[in-house]
Amino acid sequence: MKHSIIPRLIFVLVILCIPWIYLAAIWGKLPEKIPVHFGLNGTPDKYGEKNQVFIFSAIITAAALLTYFILTNIYKIDPKRYATKQQGVFLKIAVVMIVFLSFVNVIILRWTLQEHTGNLNMFLVAIGLLFAFFGNIMHSIKPNYFAGLRLPWTLESEANWKATHQFASKIWFAGGILIALLALFIKPAIMFFVMMGIILIMVIIPIIYSYRYFKKE
C-alpha cells in the first residue's frame, strides 16, 4: 500500500510545483504593479503590488491540497461507510482536481504577465474537459453523502441512483465535450453564456429524469 501511495504523492507534488516554477521563471518580467482584476473585455481594471501574485498562487495551491486531502480521506468521515468502497473513484477525482487547479494557477499567472486574459478559450476548453471527466466517472459513483446527484429520490432508492447516474453520465460527458469544442470557435464573451446554458441543461435534465423515475416507482 505504501509503495502505491509514494509515487502518487510525488506526482501530486510535482504537479503542484509547476505553477511555482513558472512563477519563478516570469518573476523578473512582472511589473511592480500587477493586474489583480480583469474587466469583461479582458483588460485589467484594478492593479496591486507585485508581491500579491504570491497570495493568489498560494490560495489556489492551498485549495488544491485541501480538495485532495478531503477527497482521499472522505471515507473516514462517512457515517455509513458508503465511501469506503469507492476510494478509487474519489482518488481519481482528487488527482484530476489537482491537475485542473494547477492549470488554472498557471493560466492566471500568464494573464498577470500579459496583462490581459489571453487564451481564455483554452481555459473554457479545460472546463469542458473537466465536465466530460465527471460524466465519464459518474456512472461508477455509488450512493454516498458527498458526491453525485444527491436528490431526495436518488438517496431514497438505490435503483433510482443507479439509473439517474448512468443517464446523467452520458449527458455530462456529451455536454463537456460540446463545451470544449464550441470554446475553440466561439468568442469567450459569448462562450461564457453558452457554457452556462449547457451546464444548466446538464443539471436540469438528469433531475427531471430522476423525478420521473421516482414517480414511476
Protein backbone atom coordinates (compact mmCIF):
# COMPACT_ATOMS: atom_id res chain seq x y z
CA MET A 1 0.00 0.00 0.00
CA LYS A 2 2.78 2.41 0.92
CA HIS A 3 4.55 1.69 -2.36
CA SER A 4 1.44 2.82 -4.29
CA ILE A 5 0.96 5.95 -2.18
CA ILE A 6 4.51 7.31 -2.58
CA PRO A 7 4.50 7.59 -6.43
CA ARG A 8 1.08 9.21 -6.27
CA LEU A 9 2.23 11.78 -3.70
CA ILE A 10 5.32 12.53 -5.78
CA PHE A 11 3.12 13.07 -8.84
CA VAL A 12 0.80 15.39 -6.88
CA LEU A 13 3.72 17.42 -5.52
CA VAL A 14 5.30 17.74 -8.97
CA ILE A 15 2.01 19.00 -10.46
CA LEU A 16 1.58 21.47 -7.60
CA CYS A 17 5.13 22.76 -8.10
CA ILE A 18 4.68 23.55 -11.80
CA PRO A 19 2.90 26.92 -11.23
CA TRP A 20 5.59 27.96 -8.74
CA ILE A 21 8.36 27.03 -11.17
CA TYR A 22 6.57 29.10 -13.82
CA LEU A 23 6.21 31.99 -11.36
CA ALA A 24 9.95 31.87 -10.63
CA ALA A 25 10.67 31.95 -14.37
CA ILE A 26 8.49 35.02 -15.04
CA TRP A 27 9.14 36.90 -11.78
CA GLY A 28 11.75 39.20 -13.32
CA LYS A 29 9.38 40.09 -16.17
CA LEU A 30 6.48 41.13 -13.92
CA PRO A 31 5.98 44.89 -13.43
CA GLU A 32 5.92 46.44 -9.95
CA LYS A 33 2.16 46.91 -10.31
CA ILE A 34 0.31 43.82 -11.48
CA PRO A 35 -3.33 43.40 -12.55
CA VAL A 36 -5.46 41.82 -9.83
CA HIS A 37 -8.80 42.03 -11.62
CA PHE A 38 -9.89 41.99 -15.26
CA GLY A 39 -12.92 43.51 -16.96
CA LEU A 40 -15.26 41.74 -19.37
CA ASN A 41 -13.11 42.89 -22.30
CA GLY A 42 -10.09 41.09 -20.82
CA THR A 43 -8.13 44.19 -19.84
CA PRO A 44 -7.13 44.98 -16.22
CA ASP A 45 -9.39 47.32 -14.27
CA LYS A 46 -7.57 47.03 -10.93
CA TYR A 47 -3.88 46.84 -10.01
CA GLY A 48 -1.97 45.78 -6.90
CA GLU A 49 1.54 45.24 -5.58
CA LYS A 50 3.77 42.72 -7.32
CA ASN A 51 4.02 40.54 -4.21
CA GLN A 52 0.27 39.87 -4.36
CA VAL A 53 0.92 37.32 -7.07
CA PHE A 54 2.23 35.00 -4.33
CA ILE A 55 -1.06 35.30 -2.45
CA PHE A 56 -3.14 34.28 -5.47
CA SER A 57 -0.94 31.29 -6.25
CA ALA A 58 -0.83 30.25 -2.59
CA ILE A 59 -4.63 30.35 -2.32
CA ILE A 60 -5.08 28.14 -5.40
CA THR A 61 -2.38 25.71 -4.23
CA ALA A 62 -3.94 25.54 -0.76
CA ALA A 63 -7.37 24.93 -2.29
CA ALA A 64 -5.93 22.12 -4.43
CA LEU A 65 -4.25 20.49 -1.43
CA LEU A 66 -7.39 20.80 0.70
CA THR A 67 -9.52 19.30 -2.05
CA TYR A 68 -7.09 16.42 -2.46
CA PHE A 69 -6.92 15.79 1.30
CA ILE A 70 -10.71 15.80 1.70
CA LEU A 71 -11.40 13.54 -1.28
CA THR A 72 -8.73 10.99 -0.34
CA ASN A 73 -9.89 10.84 3.28
CA ILE A 74 -13.61 11.26 2.81
CA TYR A 75 -14.28 7.61 3.62
CA LYS A 76 -13.08 8.24 7.17
CA ILE A 77 -15.89 10.69 7.91
CA ASP A 78 -18.66 8.82 6.10
CA PRO A 79 -21.03 7.73 8.93
CA LYS A 80 -22.37 4.76 6.95
CA ARG A 81 -19.07 3.93 5.25
CA TYR A 82 -20.55 4.15 1.75
CA ALA A 83 -17.42 5.94 0.55
CA THR A 84 -15.13 3.18 1.83
CA LYS A 85 -15.90 1.05 -1.22
CA GLN A 86 -15.27 3.97 -3.59
CA GLN A 87 -11.82 5.15 -2.56
CA GLY A 88 -10.52 4.59 -6.10
CA VAL A 89 -13.22 6.83 -7.60
CA PHE A 90 -12.58 9.65 -5.12
CA LEU A 91 -8.84 9.29 -5.69
CA LYS A 92 -9.28 9.80 -9.45
CA ILE A 93 -11.37 12.89 -8.82
CA ALA A 94 -8.76 14.21 -6.36
CA VAL A 95 -5.88 13.80 -8.81
CA VAL A 96 -7.82 15.40 -11.69
CA MET A 97 -8.72 18.37 -9.46
CA ILE A 98 -5.03 18.81 -8.57
CA VAL A 99 -4.15 18.92 -12.29
CA PHE A 100 -7.04 21.26 -13.13
CA LEU A 101 -6.35 23.75 -10.32
CA SER A 102 -2.63 23.79 -11.13
CA PHE A 103 -3.55 24.54 -14.74
CA VAL A 104 -5.79 27.38 -13.54
CA ASN A 105 -2.88 28.68 -11.45
CA VAL A 106 -0.59 28.79 -14.49
CA ILE A 107 -3.27 30.44 -16.64
CA ILE A 108 -3.80 33.21 -14.07
CA LEU A 109 -0.05 33.79 -13.83
CA ARG A 110 0.12 34.05 -17.61
CA TRP A 111 -2.72 36.59 -17.61
CA THR A 112 -0.85 38.55 -14.95
CA LEU A 113 2.28 38.62 -17.11
CA GLN A 114 0.45 39.55 -20.31
CA GLU A 115 -1.89 41.98 -18.51
CA HIS A 116 -4.76 40.52 -20.49
CA THR A 117 -6.93 37.40 -20.29
CA GLY A 118 -5.43 35.89 -23.43
CA ASN A 119 -6.08 32.24 -24.30
CA LEU A 120 -9.36 32.38 -22.36
CA ASN A 121 -10.73 29.90 -24.87
CA MET A 122 -8.28 27.27 -23.66
CA PHE A 123 -9.45 27.87 -20.11
CA LEU A 124 -13.04 27.23 -21.21
CA VAL A 125 -11.89 24.12 -23.09
CA ALA A 126 -10.33 22.85 -19.85
CA ILE A 127 -13.62 23.42 -18.01
CA GLY A 128 -15.45 21.44 -20.69
CA LEU A 129 -13.00 18.56 -20.42
CA LEU A 130 -13.40 18.61 -16.63
CA PHE A 131 -17.16 18.17 -17.01
CA ALA A 132 -16.55 15.39 -19.54
CA PHE A 133 -14.34 13.65 -16.98
CA PHE A 134 -17.05 13.90 -14.33
CA GLY A 135 -19.50 12.47 -16.84
CA ASN A 136 -17.16 9.62 -17.65
CA ILE A 137 -16.81 8.68 -14.00
CA MET A 138 -20.34 9.48 -12.79
CA HIS A 139 -21.83 6.12 -13.71
CA SER A 140 -19.45 4.37 -11.31
CA ILE A 141 -20.32 6.51 -8.28
CA LYS A 142 -22.42 4.56 -5.80
CA PRO A 143 -24.83 6.13 -3.27
CA ASN A 144 -22.97 8.36 -0.80
CA TYR A 145 -23.31 11.59 1.15
CA PHE A 146 -20.63 13.58 -0.67
CA ALA A 147 -20.61 13.22 -4.47
CA GLY A 148 -23.10 12.74 -7.26
CA LEU A 149 -26.70 13.86 -7.80
CA ARG A 150 -27.81 13.68 -4.17
CA LEU A 151 -31.51 14.29 -4.70
CA PRO A 152 -34.26 13.19 -2.29
CA TRP A 153 -35.30 10.48 -4.77
CA THR A 154 -31.80 9.16 -5.53
CA LEU A 155 -30.88 8.97 -1.84
CA GLU A 156 -34.07 7.04 -1.03
CA SER A 157 -33.70 4.50 -3.83
CA GLU A 158 -30.53 2.72 -4.94
CA ALA A 159 -32.24 1.81 -8.23
CA ASN A 160 -33.07 5.49 -8.84
CA TRP A 161 -29.49 6.50 -8.00
CA LYS A 162 -28.04 3.96 -10.42
CA ALA A 163 -30.41 4.78 -13.28
CA THR A 164 -30.06 8.54 -12.80
CA HIS A 165 -26.26 8.46 -12.71
CA GLN A 166 -25.99 6.19 -15.73
CA PHE A 167 -28.23 8.61 -17.63
CA ALA A 168 -26.51 11.74 -16.28
CA SER A 169 -23.11 10.27 -17.13
CA LYS A 170 -23.95 10.39 -20.84
CA ILE A 171 -25.42 13.90 -20.60
CA TRP A 172 -22.42 15.31 -18.71
CA PHE A 173 -19.85 13.65 -20.96
CA ALA A 174 -21.57 14.90 -24.11
CA GLY A 175 -22.11 18.35 -22.58
CA GLY A 176 -18.47 18.62 -21.52
CA ILE A 177 -17.19 17.65 -24.96
CA LEU A 178 -19.64 20.10 -26.57
CA ILE A 179 -18.36 22.93 -24.34
CA ALA A 180 -14.74 22.08 -25.18
CA LEU A 181 -15.42 22.02 -28.93
CA LEU A 182 -17.52 25.20 -29.03
CA ALA A 183 -14.91 27.06 -26.95
CA LEU A 184 -12.44 26.60 -29.80
CA PHE A 185 -14.57 28.61 -32.21
CA ILE A 186 -16.79 30.99 -30.22
CA LYS A 187 -15.56 34.24 -28.70
CA PRO A 188 -15.02 33.92 -24.92
CA ALA A 189 -17.50 36.68 -24.03
CA ILE A 190 -20.26 34.81 -25.88
CA MET A 191 -18.99 31.33 -25.00
CA PHE A 192 -19.32 32.04 -21.28
CA PHE A 193 -23.10 32.39 -21.61
CA VAL A 194 -23.29 29.43 -23.98
CA MET A 195 -21.39 27.34 -21.44
CA MET A 196 -23.69 28.40 -18.59
CA GLY A 197 -26.70 27.42 -20.70
CA ILE A 198 -25.23 24.00 -21.46
CA ILE A 199 -24.37 23.41 -17.80
CA LEU A 200 -27.91 24.36 -16.80
CA ILE A 201 -29.28 21.78 -19.23
CA MET A 202 -26.79 19.19 -17.94
CA VAL A 203 -28.14 19.71 -14.42
CA ILE A 204 -31.87 20.07 -15.10
CA ILE A 205 -32.36 17.10 -17.46
CA PRO A 206 -31.00 14.45 -15.02
CA ILE A 207 -33.09 15.97 -12.20
CA ILE A 208 -36.26 15.69 -14.31
CA TYR A 209 -35.27 12.14 -15.31
CA SER A 210 -34.71 11.19 -11.67
CA TYR A 211 -38.04 12.66 -10.58
CA ARG A 212 -39.96 10.86 -13.34
CA TYR A 213 -38.22 7.62 -12.34
CA PHE A 214 -39.33 8.26 -8.78
CA LYS A 215 -42.95 8.81 -9.87
CA LYS A 216 -42.92 5.55 -11.84
CA GLU A 217 -41.57 3.68 -8.80
